[in-house]
Amino acid sequence: MILIKLEPEERKELKKHVDYLERHGDENNRTLSKSMIAYRMHISAPTLVKALKTDTELKPETYDRIKEWLAK
């Protein structure tokens, strides 16, 4: 199985977006938990927490979902 690591810049950007949504909320001014953010990204909450940590390897489809969500 091929696993892909997030680049440090990608991880930093992901952490920045997740922290913003946790503190300030979405377009409806609702603060979101990590599990709700993961639900919006179509990944599991433990996978999101793992992705925020350093040197984590992800499946290619999970990596693609994170990249798509960051592009929005």
N, C-alpha and C. Protein backbone atom coordinates (compact mmCIF):
# COMPACT_ATOMS: atom_id res chain seq x y z
N MET A 1 0.84 -1.17 0.00
CA MET A 1 0.00 0.00 0.00
C MET A 1 0.89 1.24 0.00
N ILE A 2 0.57 2.16 -0.85
CA ILE A 2 1.33 3.41 -0.95
C ILE A 2 0.75 4.41 0.04
N LEU A 3 1.63 5.02 0.83
CA LEU A 3 1.22 6.04 1.78
C LEU A 3 1.92 7.34 1.44
N ILE A 4 1.23 8.44 1.65
CA ILE A 4 1.75 9.76 1.30
C ILE A 4 1.85 10.60 2.56
N LYS A 5 2.96 11.33 2.69
CA LYS A 5 3.11 12.24 3.82
C LYS A 5 2.69 13.64 3.40
N LEU A 6 2.07 14.36 4.32
CA LEU A 6 1.77 15.77 4.08
C LEU A 6 3.05 16.58 4.20
N GLU A 7 3.22 17.51 3.29
CA GLU A 7 4.37 18.41 3.38
C GLU A 7 4.17 19.33 4.58
N PRO A 8 5.27 19.84 5.16
CA PRO A 8 5.13 20.75 6.31
C PRO A 8 4.27 21.98 6.01
N GLU A 9 4.35 22.51 4.80
CA GLU A 9 3.54 23.68 4.44
C GLU A 9 2.07 23.31 4.38
N GLU A 10 1.76 22.12 3.84
CA GLU A 10 0.38 21.66 3.77
C GLU A 10 -0.19 21.43 5.17
N ARG A 11 0.61 20.82 6.04
CA ARG A 11 0.17 20.56 7.40
C ARG A 11 -0.08 21.88 8.14
N LYS A 12 0.81 22.85 7.91
CA LYS A 12 0.66 24.16 8.56
C LYS A 12 -0.63 24.84 8.09
N GLU A 13 -0.90 24.77 6.79
CA GLU A 13 -2.13 25.37 6.25
C GLU A 13 -3.37 24.66 6.78
N LEU A 14 -3.33 23.33 6.85
CA LEU A 14 -4.45 22.56 7.39
C LEU A 14 -4.70 22.94 8.84
N LYS A 15 -3.65 23.02 9.63
CA LYS A 15 -3.79 23.40 11.04
C LYS A 15 -4.37 24.80 11.17
N LYS A 16 -3.94 25.71 10.30
CA LYS A 16 -4.44 27.08 10.34
C LYS A 16 -5.94 27.12 10.08
N HIS A 17 -6.40 26.37 9.06
CA HIS A 17 -7.83 26.35 8.72
C HIS A 17 -8.66 25.69 9.83
N VAL A 18 -8.16 24.59 10.37
CA VAL A 18 -8.88 23.88 11.43
C VAL A 18 -8.97 24.75 12.67
N ASP A 19 -7.87 25.40 13.05
CA ASP A 19 -7.88 26.27 14.22
C ASP A 19 -8.87 27.43 14.03
N TYR A 20 -8.90 27.99 12.83
CA TYR A 20 -9.82 29.10 12.57
C TYR A 20 -11.27 28.65 12.74
N LEU A 21 -11.62 27.50 12.17
CA LEU A 21 -12.99 27.01 12.28
C LEU A 21 -13.36 26.66 13.72
N GLU A 22 -12.39 26.17 14.49
CA GLU A 22 -12.67 25.86 15.88
C GLU A 22 -12.90 27.14 16.70
N ARG A 23 -12.17 28.19 16.39
CA ARG A 23 -12.28 29.42 17.18
C ARG A 23 -13.41 30.33 16.70
N HIS A 24 -13.48 30.56 15.39
CA HIS A 24 -14.38 31.58 14.86
C HIS A 24 -15.63 31.03 14.19
N GLY A 25 -15.59 29.79 13.78
CA GLY A 25 -16.77 29.19 13.19
C GLY A 25 -16.85 29.31 11.68
N ASP A 26 -17.94 28.80 11.15
CA ASP A 26 -18.15 28.79 9.70
C ASP A 26 -18.97 30.00 9.29
N GLU A 27 -19.56 29.93 8.10
CA GLU A 27 -20.34 31.06 7.57
C GLU A 27 -21.57 31.37 8.42
N ASN A 28 -22.02 30.42 9.22
CA ASN A 28 -23.18 30.65 10.10
C ASN A 28 -22.75 30.99 11.53
N ASN A 29 -21.47 31.31 11.69
CA ASN A 29 -20.91 31.68 13.00
C ASN A 29 -21.04 30.58 14.05
N ARG A 30 -20.99 29.33 13.60
CA ARG A 30 -21.01 28.21 14.53
C ARG A 30 -19.58 27.70 14.69
N THR A 31 -19.09 27.63 15.91
CA THR A 31 -17.77 27.03 16.11
C THR A 31 -17.90 25.53 15.89
N LEU A 32 -16.90 24.96 15.27
CA LEU A 32 -16.96 23.56 14.89
C LEU A 32 -15.92 22.74 15.63
N SER A 33 -16.27 21.54 15.98
CA SER A 33 -15.32 20.62 16.59
C SER A 33 -14.51 19.95 15.48
N LYS A 34 -13.45 19.26 15.88
CA LYS A 34 -12.63 18.56 14.90
C LYS A 34 -13.43 17.48 14.18
N SER A 35 -14.36 16.85 14.89
CA SER A 35 -15.15 15.81 14.25
C SER A 35 -16.08 16.39 13.18
N MET A 36 -16.64 17.58 13.42
CA MET A 36 -17.48 18.22 12.41
C MET A 36 -16.65 18.68 11.21
N ILE A 37 -15.46 19.17 11.47
CA ILE A 37 -14.57 19.60 10.38
C ILE A 37 -14.19 18.38 9.54
N ALA A 38 -13.87 17.27 10.20
CA ALA A 38 -13.54 16.04 9.49
C ALA A 38 -14.73 15.55 8.66
N TYR A 39 -15.94 15.68 9.20
CA TYR A 39 -17.14 15.28 8.48
C TYR A 39 -17.28 16.10 7.20
N ARG A 40 -17.00 17.40 7.28
CA ARG A 40 -17.08 18.25 6.09
C ARG A 40 -16.01 17.89 5.07
N MET A 41 -14.88 17.36 5.53
CA MET A 41 -13.79 16.97 4.63
C MET A 41 -14.00 15.56 4.09
N HIS A 42 -14.98 14.84 4.62
CA HIS A 42 -15.28 13.45 4.25
C HIS A 42 -14.16 12.50 4.67
N ILE A 43 -13.59 12.76 5.84
CA ILE A 43 -12.63 11.84 6.45
C ILE A 43 -13.05 11.62 7.89
N SER A 44 -12.42 10.67 8.57
CA SER A 44 -12.77 10.42 9.97
C SER A 44 -12.02 11.39 10.88
N ALA A 45 -12.56 11.60 12.07
CA ALA A 45 -11.94 12.51 13.03
C ALA A 45 -10.55 12.04 13.47
N PRO A 46 -10.36 10.74 13.75
CA PRO A 46 -9.00 10.30 14.11
C PRO A 46 -8.00 10.52 12.98
N THR A 47 -8.45 10.41 11.73
CA THR A 47 -7.57 10.66 10.60
C THR A 47 -7.17 12.12 10.55
N LEU A 48 -8.10 13.02 10.82
CA LEU A 48 -7.79 14.44 10.85
C LEU A 48 -6.79 14.76 11.94
N VAL A 49 -6.98 14.20 13.11
CA VAL A 49 -6.05 14.43 14.21
C VAL A 49 -4.66 13.90 13.85
N LYS A 50 -4.63 12.74 13.20
CA LYS A 50 -3.34 12.18 12.76
C LYS A 50 -2.68 13.07 11.72
N ALA A 51 -3.47 13.62 10.82
CA ALA A 51 -2.93 14.48 9.76
C ALA A 51 -2.34 15.76 10.32
N LEU A 52 -2.86 16.22 11.46
CA LEU A 52 -2.34 17.43 12.07
C LEU A 52 -1.02 17.20 12.80
N LYS A 53 -0.71 15.94 13.10
CA LYS A 53 0.55 15.61 13.76
C LYS A 53 1.66 15.54 12.73
N THR A 54 2.89 15.58 13.20
CA THR A 54 4.03 15.54 12.29
C THR A 54 4.32 14.13 11.81
N ASP A 55 4.87 14.03 10.61
CA ASP A 55 5.33 12.78 10.00
C ASP A 55 4.28 11.68 9.99
N THR A 56 3.08 12.02 9.58
CA THR A 56 2.01 11.05 9.47
C THR A 56 1.83 10.67 8.01
N GLU A 57 1.70 9.39 7.75
CA GLU A 57 1.48 8.92 6.38
C GLU A 57 -0.01 8.63 6.20
N LEU A 58 -0.55 9.10 5.09
CA LEU A 58 -1.98 8.97 4.80
C LEU A 58 -2.19 8.17 3.53
N LYS A 59 -3.37 7.59 3.40
CA LYS A 59 -3.74 6.92 2.17
C LYS A 59 -3.89 7.97 1.07
N PRO A 60 -3.66 7.59 -0.19
CA PRO A 60 -3.78 8.57 -1.28
C PRO A 60 -5.16 9.23 -1.38
N GLU A 61 -6.23 8.48 -1.15
CA GLU A 61 -7.56 9.09 -1.25
C GLU A 61 -7.80 10.09 -0.11
N THR A 62 -7.28 9.81 1.08
CA THR A 62 -7.39 10.76 2.18
C THR A 62 -6.58 12.01 1.89
N TYR A 63 -5.40 11.82 1.36
CA TYR A 63 -4.54 12.94 0.98
C TYR A 63 -5.24 13.83 -0.05
N ASP A 64 -5.89 13.20 -1.04
CA ASP A 64 -6.60 13.96 -2.07
C ASP A 64 -7.77 14.75 -1.49
N ARG A 65 -8.49 14.16 -0.54
CA ARG A 65 -9.62 14.86 0.08
C ARG A 65 -9.14 16.07 0.87
N ILE A 66 -8.03 15.93 1.57
CA ILE A 66 -7.47 17.07 2.32
C ILE A 66 -7.03 18.17 1.37
N LYS A 67 -6.36 17.79 0.28
CA LYS A 67 -5.91 18.77 -0.70
C LYS A 67 -7.09 19.49 -1.35
N GLU A 68 -8.15 18.77 -1.67
CA GLU A 68 -9.36 19.39 -2.26
C GLU A 68 -9.98 20.37 -1.28
N TRP A 69 -10.05 19.99 0.00
CA TRP A 69 -10.66 20.87 0.99
C TRP A 69 -9.82 22.12 1.20
N LEU A 70 -8.50 21.98 1.17
CA LEU A 70 -7.63 23.15 1.32
C LEU A 70 -7.73 24.09 0.12
N ALA A 71 -8.03 23.52 -1.04
CA ALA A 71 -8.13 24.34 -2.27
C ALA A 71 -9.40 25.20 -2.26
N LYS A 72 -10.40 24.81 -1.49
CA LYS A 72 -11.67 25.57 -1.46
C LYS A 72 -11.51 26.89 -0.78
